[in-house]
Amino acid sequence: MKESMTEELTYDDFLKIDVRVGTIKEAKDFPEARNPAFQLFIDFGKDIGMRKTSAQITKHYTKESLIGKQVAAVINFPKKQIGPFMSECLTLGFPDENGDVVLIQPERKIPNGGRLY
C-alpha cells in the first residue's frame, strides 16, 4: 500500500506535536470497541502522570505482554471519547505487511516522560 505524501511542515509545526515515552502499567480488554482493542494505562512520569488510551494492537500483543513496555505516544491531542472510554493520548505504531499495528518503542529503557526530538 503506497501512502500519499502529506503537506510539508515547518520545524515549528513539528514542535507542536508532543511525543513522549511512557511505560504501560495496565492493559484491559475493550469489548465495546468497534474493532478488537485494548485499553492501555500508561505512566508518563511525575510531571505528566498516567494517561489512558485505546489501541487496536491485539494481533501482535497480549495484555500480559504489554505490561512494562515503553511506548511512544502523542500527549497533546484533545481527549477523544471512544464508546464508553475517554482516550487521553495516542499511542504510536507502524503497520506491518498486513496493516496490523506494531508499536514504536525506544531501543533501551529511558525515563518516562522523555520527549521525542
PDB file of N, CA and C in Angstrom:
ATOM      1  N   MET A   1       0.846  -1.169   0.000  1.00  0.00           N
ATOM      2  CA  MET A   1       0.000   0.000   0.000  1.00  0.00           C
ATOM      3  C   MET A   1       0.888   1.227   0.000  1.00  0.00           C
ATOM      4  N   LYS A   2       0.719   2.097  -0.967  1.00  0.00           N
ATOM      5  CA  LYS A   2       1.519   3.308  -1.065  1.00  0.00           C
ATOM      6  C   LYS A   2       0.744   4.465  -0.436  1.00  0.00           C
ATOM      7  N   GLU A   3       1.386   5.119   0.511  1.00  0.00           N
ATOM      8  CA  GLU A   3       0.774   6.263   1.180  1.00  0.00           C
ATOM      9  C   GLU A   3       1.071   7.516   0.369  1.00  0.00           C
ATOM     10  N   SER A   4       0.117   8.435   0.299  1.00  0.00           N
ATOM     11  CA  SER A   4       0.368   9.689  -0.385  1.00  0.00           C
ATOM     12  C   SER A   4       1.124  10.626   0.548  1.00  0.00           C
ATOM     13  N   MET A   5       1.920  11.484  -0.021  1.00  0.00           N
ATOM     14  CA  MET A   5       2.663  12.470   0.772  1.00  0.00           C
ATOM     15  C   MET A   5       1.676  13.491   1.328  1.00  0.00           C
ATOM     16  N   THR A   6       1.970  13.963   2.526  1.00  0.00           N
ATOM     17  CA  THR A   6       1.130  14.978   3.132  1.00  0.00           C
ATOM     18  C   THR A   6       1.805  16.329   3.003  1.00  0.00           C
ATOM     19  N   GLU A   7       1.125  17.334   3.444  1.00  0.00           N
ATOM     20  CA  GLU A   7       1.627  18.701   3.381  1.00  0.00           C
ATOM     21  C   GLU A   7       2.957  18.828   4.119  1.00  0.00           C
ATOM     22  N   GLU A   8       3.874  19.557   3.540  1.00  0.00           N
ATOM     23  CA  GLU A   8       5.174  19.789   4.172  1.00  0.00           C
ATOM     24  C   GLU A   8       4.998  20.662   5.411  1.00  0.00           C
ATOM     25  N   LEU A   9       5.723  20.312   6.478  1.00  0.00           N
ATOM     26  CA  LEU A   9       5.634  21.039   7.738  1.00  0.00           C
ATOM     27  C   LEU A   9       6.904  21.833   7.988  1.00  0.00           C
ATOM     28  N   THR A  10       6.789  22.811   8.864  1.00  0.00           N
ATOM     29  CA  THR A  10       7.967  23.528   9.326  1.00  0.00           C
ATOM     30  C   THR A  10       8.437  22.883  10.623  1.00  0.00           C
ATOM     31  N   TYR A  11       9.632  23.234  11.061  1.00  0.00           N
ATOM     32  CA  TYR A  11      10.129  22.720  12.324  1.00  0.00           C
ATOM     33  C   TYR A  11       9.224  23.182  13.470  1.00  0.00           C
ATOM     34  N   ASP A  12       8.708  24.399  13.384  1.00  0.00           N
ATOM     35  CA  ASP A  12       7.783  24.890  14.413  1.00  0.00           C
ATOM     36  C   ASP A  12       6.514  24.043  14.463  1.00  0.00           C
ATOM     37  N   ASP A  13       6.042  23.564  13.307  1.00  0.00           N
ATOM     38  CA  ASP A  13       4.893  22.656  13.290  1.00  0.00           C
ATOM     39  C   ASP A  13       5.226  21.371  14.047  1.00  0.00           C
ATOM     40  N   PHE A  14       6.409  20.816  13.797  1.00  0.00           N
ATOM     41  CA  PHE A  14       6.838  19.595  14.476  1.00  0.00           C
ATOM     42  C   PHE A  14       6.861  19.796  15.991  1.00  0.00           C
ATOM     43  N   LEU A  15       7.342  20.940  16.436  1.00  0.00           N
ATOM     44  CA  LEU A  15       7.439  21.206  17.878  1.00  0.00           C
ATOM     45  C   LEU A  15       6.074  21.251  18.559  1.00  0.00           C
ATOM     46  N   LYS A  16       5.014  21.467  17.804  1.00  0.00           N
ATOM     47  CA  LYS A  16       3.666  21.490  18.380  1.00  0.00           C
ATOM     48  C   LYS A  16       3.190  20.090  18.778  1.00  0.00           C
ATOM     49  N   ILE A  17       3.775  19.062  18.178  1.00  0.00           N
ATOM     50  CA  ILE A  17       3.374  17.680  18.467  1.00  0.00           C
ATOM     51  C   ILE A  17       4.230  17.166  19.616  1.00  0.00           C
ATOM     52  N   ASP A  18       3.600  16.889  20.745  1.00  0.00           N
ATOM     53  CA  ASP A  18       4.311  16.479  21.947  1.00  0.00           C
ATOM     54  C   ASP A  18       4.296  14.946  22.043  1.00  0.00           C
ATOM     55  N   VAL A  19       5.381  14.316  21.572  1.00  0.00           N
ATOM     56  CA  VAL A  19       5.510  12.862  21.614  1.00  0.00           C
ATOM     57  C   VAL A  19       6.405  12.513  22.792  1.00  0.00           C
ATOM     58  N   ARG A  20       5.875  11.698  23.695  1.00  0.00           N
ATOM     59  CA  ARG A  20       6.598  11.304  24.913  1.00  0.00           C
ATOM     60  C   ARG A  20       6.665   9.794  25.017  1.00  0.00           C
ATOM     61  N   VAL A  21       7.597   9.336  25.843  1.00  0.00           N
ATOM     62  CA  VAL A  21       7.712   7.916  26.132  1.00  0.00           C
ATOM     63  C   VAL A  21       7.060   7.646  27.484  1.00  0.00           C
ATOM     64  N   GLY A  22       6.374   6.517  27.560  1.00  0.00           N
ATOM     65  CA  GLY A  22       5.749   6.103  28.810  1.00  0.00           C
ATOM     66  C   GLY A  22       5.772   4.591  28.923  1.00  0.00           C
ATOM     67  N   THR A  23       5.534   4.110  30.140  1.00  0.00           N
ATOM     68  CA  THR A  23       5.524   2.680  30.405  1.00  0.00           C
ATOM     69  C   THR A  23       4.096   2.208  30.638  1.00  0.00           C
ATOM     70  N   ILE A  24       3.695   1.171  29.920  1.00  0.00           N
ATOM     71  CA  ILE A  24       2.357   0.607  30.097  1.00  0.00           C
ATOM     72  C   ILE A  24       2.302  -0.089  31.453  1.00  0.00           C
ATOM     73  N   LYS A  25       1.394   0.359  32.298  1.00  0.00           N
ATOM     74  CA  LYS A  25       1.236  -0.198  33.644  1.00  0.00           C
ATOM     75  C   LYS A  25       0.085  -1.188  33.717  1.00  0.00           C
ATOM     76  N   GLU A  26      -0.926  -0.996  32.850  1.00  0.00           N
ATOM     77  CA  GLU A  26      -2.106  -1.865  32.869  1.00  0.00           C
ATOM     78  C   GLU A  26      -2.685  -1.943  31.465  1.00  0.00           C
ATOM     79  N   ALA A  27      -3.205  -3.100  31.112  1.00  0.00           N
ATOM     80  CA  ALA A  27      -3.884  -3.304  29.835  1.00  0.00           C
ATOM     81  C   ALA A  27      -5.141  -4.124  30.103  1.00  0.00           C
ATOM     82  N   LYS A  28      -6.267  -3.649  29.557  1.00  0.00           N
ATOM     83  CA  LYS A  28      -7.551  -4.322  29.758  1.00  0.00           C
ATOM     84  C   LYS A  28      -8.203  -4.591  28.406  1.00  0.00           C
ATOM     85  N   ASP A  29      -9.032  -5.611  28.352  1.00  0.00           N
ATOM     86  CA  ASP A  29      -9.848  -5.831  27.170  1.00  0.00           C
ATOM     87  C   ASP A  29     -10.791  -4.645  26.989  1.00  0.00           C
ATOM     88  N   PHE A  30     -11.153  -4.374  25.741  1.00  0.00           N
ATOM     89  CA  PHE A  30     -12.084  -3.278  25.431  1.00  0.00           C
ATOM     90  C   PHE A  30     -13.182  -3.846  24.525  1.00  0.00           C
ATOM     91  N   PRO A  31     -14.100  -4.642  25.107  1.00  0.00           N
ATOM     92  CA  PRO A  31     -15.108  -5.322  24.289  1.00  0.00           C
ATOM     93  C   PRO A  31     -16.084  -4.372  23.591  1.00  0.00           C
ATOM     94  N   GLU A  32     -16.222  -3.141  24.076  1.00  0.00           N
ATOM     95  CA  GLU A  32     -17.158  -2.191  23.453  1.00  0.00           C
ATOM     96  C   GLU A  32     -16.582  -1.538  22.193  1.00  0.00           C
ATOM     97  N   ALA A  33     -15.291  -1.704  21.934  1.00  0.00           N
ATOM     98  CA  ALA A  33     -14.666  -1.098  20.751  1.00  0.00           C
ATOM     99  C   ALA A  33     -15.199  -1.743  19.479  1.00  0.00           C
ATOM    100  N   ARG A  34     -15.290  -0.970  18.402  1.00  0.00           N
ATOM    101  CA  ARG A  34     -15.765  -1.496  17.115  1.00  0.00           C
ATOM    102  C   ARG A  34     -14.831  -2.560  16.566  1.00  0.00           C
ATOM    103  N   ASN A  35     -13.525  -2.329  16.701  1.00  0.00           N
ATOM    104  CA  ASN A  35     -12.506  -3.288  16.272  1.00  0.00           C
ATOM    105  C   ASN A  35     -11.770  -3.779  17.514  1.00  0.00           C
ATOM    106  N   PRO A  36     -11.235  -4.996  17.491  1.00  0.00           N
ATOM    107  CA  PRO A  36     -10.544  -5.516  18.676  1.00  0.00           C
ATOM    108  C   PRO A  36      -9.474  -4.534  19.177  1.00  0.00           C
ATOM    109  N   ALA A  37      -9.531  -4.244  20.465  1.00  0.00           N
ATOM    110  CA  ALA A  37      -8.620  -3.251  21.045  1.00  0.00           C
ATOM    111  C   ALA A  37      -8.410  -3.530  22.526  1.00  0.00           C
ATOM    112  N   PHE A  38      -7.363  -2.901  23.049  1.00  0.00           N
ATOM    113  CA  PHE A  38      -7.098  -2.905  24.482  1.00  0.00           C
ATOM    114  C   PHE A  38      -7.212  -1.484  25.005  1.00  0.00           C
ATOM    115  N   GLN A  39      -7.555  -1.365  26.270  1.00  0.00           N
ATOM    116  CA  GLN A  39      -7.433  -0.102  26.995  1.00  0.00           C
ATOM    117  C   GLN A  39      -6.071  -0.130  27.662  1.00  0.00           C
ATOM    118  N   LEU A  40      -5.268   0.889  27.424  1.00  0.00           N
ATOM    119  CA  LEU A  40      -3.928   0.963  27.999  1.00  0.00           C
ATOM    120  C   LEU A  40      -3.860   2.098  29.007  1.00  0.00           C
ATOM    121  N   PHE A  41      -3.151   1.865  30.083  1.00  0.00           N
ATOM    122  CA  PHE A  41      -2.915   2.868  31.115  1.00  0.00           C
ATOM    123  C   PHE A  41      -1.403   3.056  31.180  1.00  0.00           C
ATOM    124  N   ILE A  42      -0.938   4.248  30.779  1.00  0.00           N
ATOM    125  CA  ILE A  42       0.481   4.494  30.533  1.00  0.00           C
ATOM    126  C   ILE A  42       1.007   5.555  31.500  1.00  0.00           C
ATOM    127  N   ASP A  43       2.134   5.259  32.131  1.00  0.00           N
ATOM    128  CA  ASP A  43       2.790   6.177  33.057  1.00  0.00           C
ATOM    129  C   ASP A  43       3.805   7.012  32.289  1.00  0.00           C
ATOM    130  N   PHE A  44       3.578   8.335  32.252  1.00  0.00           N
ATOM    131  CA  PHE A  44       4.475   9.264  31.575  1.00  0.00           C
ATOM    132  C   PHE A  44       5.344  10.042  32.556  1.00  0.00           C
ATOM    133  N   GLY A  45       5.496   9.530  33.761  1.00  0.00           N
ATOM    134  CA  GLY A  45       6.380  10.167  34.725  1.00  0.00           C
ATOM    135  C   GLY A  45       5.663  11.162  35.612  1.00  0.00           C
ATOM    136  N   LYS A  46       6.427  11.690  36.600  1.00  0.00           N
ATOM    137  CA  LYS A  46       5.812  12.532  37.633  1.00  0.00           C
ATOM    138  C   LYS A  46       5.239  13.840  37.098  1.00  0.00           C
ATOM    139  N   ASP A  47       5.816  14.423  36.054  1.00  0.00           N
ATOM    140  CA  ASP A  47       5.321  15.706  35.555  1.00  0.00           C
ATOM    141  C   ASP A  47       4.027  15.577  34.749  1.00  0.00           C
ATOM    142  N   ILE A  48       3.846  14.465  34.061  1.00  0.00           N
ATOM    143  CA  ILE A  48       2.670  14.262  33.206  1.00  0.00           C
ATOM    144  C   ILE A  48       1.677  13.316  33.863  1.00  0.00           C
ATOM    145  N   GLY A  49       2.182  12.262  34.485  1.00  0.00           N
ATOM    146  CA  GLY A  49       1.325  11.304  35.178  1.00  0.00           C
ATOM    147  C   GLY A  49       0.804  10.208  34.267  1.00  0.00           C
ATOM    148  N   MET A  50      -0.269   9.563  34.721  1.00  0.00           N
ATOM    149  CA  MET A  50      -0.882   8.457  33.991  1.00  0.00           C
ATOM    150  C   MET A  50      -1.849   9.002  32.941  1.00  0.00           C
ATOM    151  N   ARG A  51      -1.843   8.379  31.782  1.00  0.00           N
ATOM    152  CA  ARG A  51      -2.809   8.673  30.719  1.00  0.00           C
ATOM    153  C   ARG A  51      -3.368   7.348  30.240  1.00  0.00           C
ATOM    154  N   LYS A  52      -4.600   7.399  29.746  1.00  0.00           N
ATOM    155  CA  LYS A  52      -5.224   6.180  29.219  1.00  0.00           C
ATOM    156  C   LYS A  52      -5.545   6.373  27.747  1.00  0.00           C
ATOM    157  N   THR A  53      -5.573   5.257  27.052  1.00  0.00           N
ATOM    158  CA  THR A  53      -5.872   5.273  25.627  1.00  0.00           C
ATOM    159  C   THR A  53      -6.391   3.904  25.219  1.00  0.00           C
ATOM    160  N   SER A  54      -6.985   3.833  24.048  1.00  0.00           N
ATOM    161  CA  SER A  54      -7.322   2.527  23.488  1.00  0.00           C
ATOM    162  C   SER A  54      -6.427   2.320  22.275  1.00  0.00           C
ATOM    163  N   ALA A  55      -6.085   1.070  22.031  1.00  0.00           N
ATOM    164  CA  ALA A  55      -5.189   0.774  20.919  1.00  0.00           C
ATOM    165  C   ALA A  55      -5.601  -0.541  20.263  1.00  0.00           C
ATOM    166  N   GLN A  56      -5.676  -0.517  18.933  1.00  0.00           N
ATOM    167  CA  GLN A  56      -6.031  -1.707  18.161  1.00  0.00           C
ATOM    168  C   GLN A  56      -4.756  -2.485  17.857  1.00  0.00           C
ATOM    169  N   ILE A  57      -4.251  -3.158  18.885  1.00  0.00           N
ATOM    170  CA  ILE A  57      -2.959  -3.836  18.788  1.00  0.00           C
ATOM    171  C   ILE A  57      -3.058  -5.310  19.180  1.00  0.00           C
ATOM    172  N   THR A  58      -4.235  -5.880  19.052  1.00  0.00           N
ATOM    173  CA  THR A  58      -4.466  -7.248  19.535  1.00  0.00           C
ATOM    174  C   THR A  58      -3.842  -8.326  18.651  1.00  0.00           C
ATOM    175  N   LYS A  59      -3.412  -8.003  17.451  1.00  0.00           N
ATOM    176  CA  LYS A  59      -2.813  -9.015  16.565  1.00  0.00           C
ATOM    177  C   LYS A  59      -1.421  -9.423  17.026  1.00  0.00           C
ATOM    178  N   HIS A  60      -0.642  -8.464  17.512  1.00  0.00           N
ATOM    179  CA  HIS A  60       0.748  -8.748  17.874  1.00  0.00           C
ATOM    180  C   HIS A  60       1.009  -8.774  19.379  1.00  0.00           C
ATOM    181  N   TYR A  61       0.036  -8.373  20.187  1.00  0.00           N
ATOM    182  CA  TYR A  61       0.282  -8.228  21.619  1.00  0.00           C
ATOM    183  C   TYR A  61      -0.847  -8.857  22.437  1.00  0.00           C
ATOM    184  N   THR A  62      -0.479  -9.354  23.600  1.00  0.00           N
ATOM    185  CA  THR A  62      -1.465  -9.777  24.593  1.00  0.00           C
ATOM    186  C   THR A  62      -1.443  -8.736  25.710  1.00  0.00           C
ATOM    187  N   LYS A  63      -2.471  -8.739  26.529  1.00  0.00           N
ATOM    188  CA  LYS A  63      -2.489  -7.808  27.666  1.00  0.00           C
ATOM    189  C   LYS A  63      -1.247  -8.014  28.523  1.00  0.00           C
ATOM    190  N   GLU A  64      -0.908  -9.271  28.763  1.00  0.00           N
ATOM    191  CA  GLU A  64       0.220  -9.591  29.635  1.00  0.00           C
ATOM    192  C   GLU A  64       1.550  -9.122  29.046  1.00  0.00           C
ATOM    193  N   SER A  65       1.703  -9.256  27.725  1.00  0.00           N
ATOM    194  CA  SER A  65       2.974  -8.881  27.099  1.00  0.00           C
ATOM    195  C   SER A  65       3.176  -7.366  27.052  1.00  0.00           C
ATOM    196  N   LEU A  66       2.095  -6.615  27.215  1.00  0.00           N
ATOM    197  CA  LEU A  66       2.194  -5.150  27.152  1.00  0.00           C
ATOM    198  C   LEU A  66       2.690  -4.530  28.452  1.00  0.00           C
ATOM    199  N   ILE A  67       2.451  -5.192  29.575  1.00  0.00           N
ATOM    200  CA  ILE A  67       2.820  -4.632  30.869  1.00  0.00           C
ATOM    201  C   ILE A  67       4.336  -4.436  30.927  1.00  0.00           C
ATOM    202  N   GLY A  68       4.756  -3.215  31.260  1.00  0.00           N
ATOM    203  CA  GLY A  68       6.174  -2.889  31.370  1.00  0.00           C
ATOM    204  C   GLY A  68       6.813  -2.402  30.090  1.00  0.00           C
ATOM    205  N   LYS A  69       6.110  -2.480  28.951  1.00  0.00           N
ATOM    206  CA  LYS A  69       6.669  -1.993  27.685  1.00  0.00           C
ATOM    207  C   LYS A  69       6.671  -0.472  27.674  1.00  0.00           C
ATOM    208  N   GLN A  70       7.765   0.095  27.177  1.00  0.00           N
ATOM    209  CA  GLN A  70       7.792   1.525  26.940  1.00  0.00           C
ATOM    210  C   GLN A  70       7.314   1.783  25.520  1.00  0.00           C
ATOM    211  N   VAL A  71       6.476   2.799  25.360  1.00  0.00           N
ATOM    212  CA  VAL A  71       5.899   3.138  24.065  1.00  0.00           C
ATOM    213  C   VAL A  71       5.959   4.641  23.856  1.00  0.00           C
ATOM    214  N   ALA A  72       5.828   5.050  22.598  1.00  0.00           N
ATOM    215  CA  ALA A  72       5.752   6.461  22.245  1.00  0.00           C
ATOM    216  C   ALA A  72       4.286   6.831  22.043  1.00  0.00           C
ATOM    217  N   ALA A  73       3.931   8.049  22.487  1.00  0.00           N
ATOM    218  CA  ALA A  73       2.546   8.500  22.340  1.00  0.00           C
ATOM    219  C   ALA A  73       2.501  10.015  22.211  1.00  0.00           C
ATOM    220  N   VAL A  74       1.522  10.500  21.444  1.00  0.00           N
ATOM    221  CA  VAL A  74       1.236  11.931  21.377  1.00  0.00           C
ATOM    222  C   VAL A  74       0.361  12.248  22.581  1.00  0.00           C
ATOM    223  N   ILE A  75       0.803  13.217  23.393  1.00  0.00           N
ATOM    224  CA  ILE A  75       0.054  13.509  24.616  1.00  0.00           C
ATOM    225  C   ILE A  75      -0.702  14.835  24.572  1.00  0.00           C
ATOM    226  N   ASN A  76      -0.585  15.584  23.471  1.00  0.00           N
ATOM    227  CA  ASN A  76      -1.262  16.885  23.447  1.00  0.00           C
ATOM    228  C   ASN A  76      -2.387  16.989  22.421  1.00  0.00           C
ATOM    229  N   PHE A  77      -2.929  15.859  21.984  1.00  0.00           N
ATOM    230  CA  PHE A  77      -4.179  15.888  21.222  1.00  0.00           C
ATOM    231  C   PHE A  77      -5.326  16.076  22.206  1.00  0.00           C
ATOM    232  N   PRO A  78      -6.460  16.606  21.763  1.00  0.00           N
ATOM    233  CA  PRO A  78      -7.621  16.679  22.666  1.00  0.00           C
ATOM    234  C   PRO A  78      -8.079  15.275  23.051  1.00  0.00           C
ATOM    235  N   LYS A  79      -8.684  15.155  24.216  1.00  0.00           N
ATOM    236  CA  LYS A  79      -9.246  13.872  24.634  1.00  0.00           C
ATOM    237  C   LYS A  79     -10.298  13.450  23.617  1.00  0.00           C
ATOM    238  N   LYS A  80     -10.455  12.118  23.460  1.00  0.00           N
ATOM    239  CA  LYS A  80     -11.404  11.611  22.474  1.00  0.00           C
ATOM    240  C   LYS A  80     -12.254  10.514  23.102  1.00  0.00           C
ATOM    241  N   GLN A  81     -13.559  10.658  22.986  1.00  0.00           N
ATOM    242  CA  GLN A  81     -14.488   9.652  23.501  1.00  0.00           C
ATOM    243  C   GLN A  81     -14.554   8.493  22.514  1.00  0.00           C
ATOM    244  N   ILE A  82     -14.248   7.296  23.006  1.00  0.00           N
ATOM    245  CA  ILE A  82     -14.320   6.087  22.188  1.00  0.00           C
ATOM    246  C   ILE A  82     -15.277   5.146  22.899  1.00  0.00           C
ATOM    247  N   GLY A  83     -16.529   5.137  22.460  1.00  0.00           N
ATOM    248  CA  GLY A  83     -17.559   4.376  23.175  1.00  0.00           C
ATOM    249  C   GLY A  83     -17.655   4.905  24.596  1.00  0.00           C
ATOM    250  N   PRO A  84     -17.602   4.023  25.593  1.00  0.00           N
ATOM    251  CA  PRO A  84     -17.715   4.464  26.979  1.00  0.00           C
ATOM    252  C   PRO A  84     -16.371   4.903  27.575  1.00  0.00           C
ATOM    253  N   PHE A  85     -15.315   4.967  26.765  1.00  0.00           N
ATOM    254  CA  PHE A  85     -13.947   5.187  27.241  1.00  0.00           C
ATOM    255  C   PHE A  85     -13.425   6.524  26.726  1.00  0.00           C
ATOM    256  N   MET A  86     -12.749   7.295  27.591  1.00  0.00           N
ATOM    257  CA  MET A  86     -12.154   8.571  27.191  1.00  0.00           C
ATOM    258  C   MET A  86     -10.653   8.376  26.975  1.00  0.00           C
ATOM    259  N   SER A  87     -10.214   8.510  25.731  1.00  0.00           N
ATOM    260  CA  SER A  87      -8.800   8.372  25.393  1.00  0.00           C
ATOM    261  C   SER A  87      -8.098   9.702  25.634  1.00  0.00           C
ATOM    262  N   GLU A  88      -6.920   9.642  26.276  1.00  0.00           N
ATOM    263  CA  GLU A  88      -6.191  10.856  26.668  1.00  0.00           C
ATOM    264  C   GLU A  88      -4.853  11.019  25.952  1.00  0.00           C
ATOM    265  N   CYS A  89      -4.499  10.077  25.095  1.00  0.00           N
ATOM    266  CA  CYS A  89      -3.266  10.176  24.315  1.00  0.00           C
ATOM    267  C   CYS A  89      -3.391   9.240  23.113  1.00  0.00           C
ATOM    268  N   LEU A  90      -2.434   9.319  22.205  1.00  0.00           N
ATOM    269  CA  LEU A  90      -2.446   8.467  21.013  1.00  0.00           C
ATOM    270  C   LEU A  90      -1.145   7.674  20.967  1.00  0.00           C
ATOM    271  N   THR A  91      -1.231   6.375  21.223  1.00  0.00           N
ATOM    272  CA  THR A  91      -0.062   5.502  21.160  1.00  0.00           C
ATOM    273  C   THR A  91       0.325   5.318  19.698  1.00  0.00           C
ATOM    274  N   LEU A  92       1.618   5.371  19.413  1.00  0.00           N
ATOM    275  CA  LEU A  92       2.099   5.360  18.037  1.00  0.00           C
ATOM    276  C   LEU A  92       2.631   3.997  17.611  1.00  0.00           C
ATOM    277  N   GLY A  93       2.408   3.680  16.350  1.00  0.00           N
ATOM    278  CA  GLY A  93       2.903   2.440  15.784  1.00  0.00           C
ATOM    279  C   GLY A  93       2.941   2.527  14.272  1.00  0.00           C
ATOM    280  N   PHE A  94       3.514   1.514  13.674  1.00  0.00           N
ATOM    281  CA  PHE A  94       3.580   1.395  12.217  1.00  0.00           C
ATOM    282  C   PHE A  94       2.815   0.161  11.783  1.00  0.00           C
ATOM    283  N   PRO A  95       2.244   0.174  10.567  1.00  0.00           N
ATOM    284  CA  PRO A  95       1.564  -1.028  10.078  1.00  0.00           C
ATOM    285  C   PRO A  95       2.571  -2.050   9.558  1.00  0.00           C
ATOM    286  N   ASP A  96       2.310  -3.315   9.867  1.00  0.00           N
ATOM    287  CA  ASP A  96       3.125  -4.373   9.269  1.00  0.00           C
ATOM    288  C   ASP A  96       2.599  -4.660   7.862  1.00  0.00           C
ATOM    289  N   GLU A  97       3.084  -5.746   7.255  1.00  0.00           N
ATOM    290  CA  GLU A  97       2.684  -6.054   5.883  1.00  0.00           C
ATOM    291  C   GLU A  97       1.197  -6.353   5.736  1.00  0.00           C
ATOM    292  N   ASN A  98       0.508  -6.657   6.851  1.00  0.00           N
ATOM    293  CA  ASN A  98      -0.930  -6.912   6.818  1.00  0.00           C
ATOM    294  C   ASN A  98      -1.763  -5.731   7.320  1.00  0.00           C
ATOM    295  N   GLY A  99      -1.099  -4.648   7.679  1.00  0.00           N
ATOM    296  CA  GLY A  99      -1.803  -3.481   8.183  1.00  0.00           C
ATOM    297  C   GLY A  99      -2.043  -3.509   9.689  1.00  0.00           C
ATOM    298  N   ASP A 100      -1.482  -4.505  10.385  1.00  0.00           N
ATOM    299  CA  ASP A 100      -1.634  -4.602  11.839  1.00  0.00           C
ATOM    300  C   ASP A 100      -0.552  -3.765  12.519  1.00  0.00           C
ATOM    301  N   VAL A 101      -0.909  -3.138  13.632  1.00  0.00           N
ATOM    302  CA  VAL A 101      -0.031  -2.175  14.292  1.00  0.00           C
ATOM    303  C   VAL A 101       1.108  -2.847  15.057  1.00  0.00           C
ATOM    304  N   VAL A 102       2.308  -2.315  14.824  1.00  0.00           N
ATOM    305  CA  VAL A 102       3.498  -2.657  15.595  1.00  0.00           C
ATOM    306  C   VAL A 102       3.892  -1.390  16.342  1.00  0.00           C
ATOM    307  N   LEU A 103       3.934  -1.463  17.658  1.00  0.00           N
ATOM    308  CA  LEU A 103       4.200  -0.292  18.486  1.00  0.00           C
ATOM    309  C   LEU A 103       5.607   0.257  18.291  1.00  0.00           C
ATOM    310  N   ILE A 104       5.736   1.578  18.424  1.00  0.00           N
ATOM    311  CA  ILE A 104       7.046   2.233  18.434  1.00  0.00           C
ATOM    312  C   ILE A 104       7.577   2.168  19.860  1.00  0.00           C
ATOM    313  N   GLN A 105       8.801   1.670  20.006  1.00  0.00           N
ATOM    314  CA  GLN A 105       9.415   1.536  21.318  1.00  0.00           C
ATOM    315  C   GLN A 105      10.861   2.023  21.259  1.00  0.00           C
ATOM    316  N   PRO A 106      11.350   2.634  22.340  1.00  0.00           N
ATOM    317  CA  PRO A 106      12.767   3.002  22.353  1.00  0.00           C
ATOM    318  C   PRO A 106      13.628   1.746  22.396  1.00  0.00           C
ATOM    319  N   GLU A 107      14.840   1.831  21.883  1.00  0.00           N
ATOM    320  CA  GLU A 107      15.720   0.659  21.848  1.00  0.00           C
ATOM    321  C   GLU A 107      16.271   0.298  23.216  1.00  0.00           C
ATOM    322  N   ARG A 108      16.242   1.237  24.168  1.00  0.00           N
ATOM    323  CA  ARG A 108      16.662   0.954  25.537  1.00  0.00           C
ATOM    324  C   ARG A 108      15.786   1.742  26.489  1.00  0.00           C
ATOM    325  N   LYS A 109      15.779   1.339  27.744  1.00  0.00           N
ATOM    326  CA  LYS A 109      14.920   1.982  28.742  1.00  0.00           C
ATOM    327  C   LYS A 109      15.372   3.423  28.954  1.00  0.00           C
ATOM    328  N   ILE A 110      14.405   4.334  28.928  1.00  0.00           N
ATOM    329  CA  ILE A 110      14.670   5.746  29.198  1.00  0.00           C
ATOM    330  C   ILE A 110      13.643   6.241  30.203  1.00  0.00           C
ATOM    331  N   PRO A 111      13.895   7.373  30.853  1.00  0.00           N
ATOM    332  CA  PRO A 111      12.947   7.866  31.850  1.00  0.00           C
ATOM    333  C   PRO A 111      11.584   8.178  31.224  1.00  0.00           C
ATOM    334  N   ASN A 112      10.523   7.768  31.916  1.00  0.00           N
ATOM    335  CA  ASN A 112       9.166   8.084  31.462  1.00  0.00           C
ATOM    336  C   ASN A 112       9.010   9.597  31.340  1.00  0.00           C
ATOM    337  N   GLY A 113       8.319  10.012  30.282  1.00  0.00           N
ATOM    338  CA  GLY A 113       8.082  11.432  30.051  1.00  0.00           C
ATOM    339  C   GLY A 113       9.083  12.056  29.104  1.00  0.00           C
ATOM    340  N   GLY A 114      10.133  11.315  28.705  1.00  0.00           N
ATOM    341  CA  GLY A 114      11.109  11.863  27.771  1.00  0.00           C
ATOM    342  C   GLY A 114      10.432  12.256  26.470  1.00  0.00           C
ATOM    343  N   ARG A 115      10.817  13.428  25.951  1.00  0.00           N
ATOM    344  CA  ARG A 115      10.196  13.963  24.728  1.00  0.00           C
ATOM    345  C   ARG A 115      11.005  13.615  23.486  1.00  0.00           C
ATOM    346  N   LEU A 116      10.286  13.266  22.424  1.00  0.00           N
ATOM    347  CA  LEU A 116      10.905  12.995  21.138  1.00  0.00           C
ATOM    348  C   LEU A 116      11.424  14.289  20.540  1.00  0.00           C
ATOM    349  N   TYR A 117      12.643  14.225  20.039  1.00  0.00           N
ATOM    350  CA  TYR A 117      13.202  15.360  19.276  1.00  0.00           C
ATOM    351  C   TYR A 117      14.192  14.862  18.258  1.00  0.00           C
TER     352      TYR A 117
END
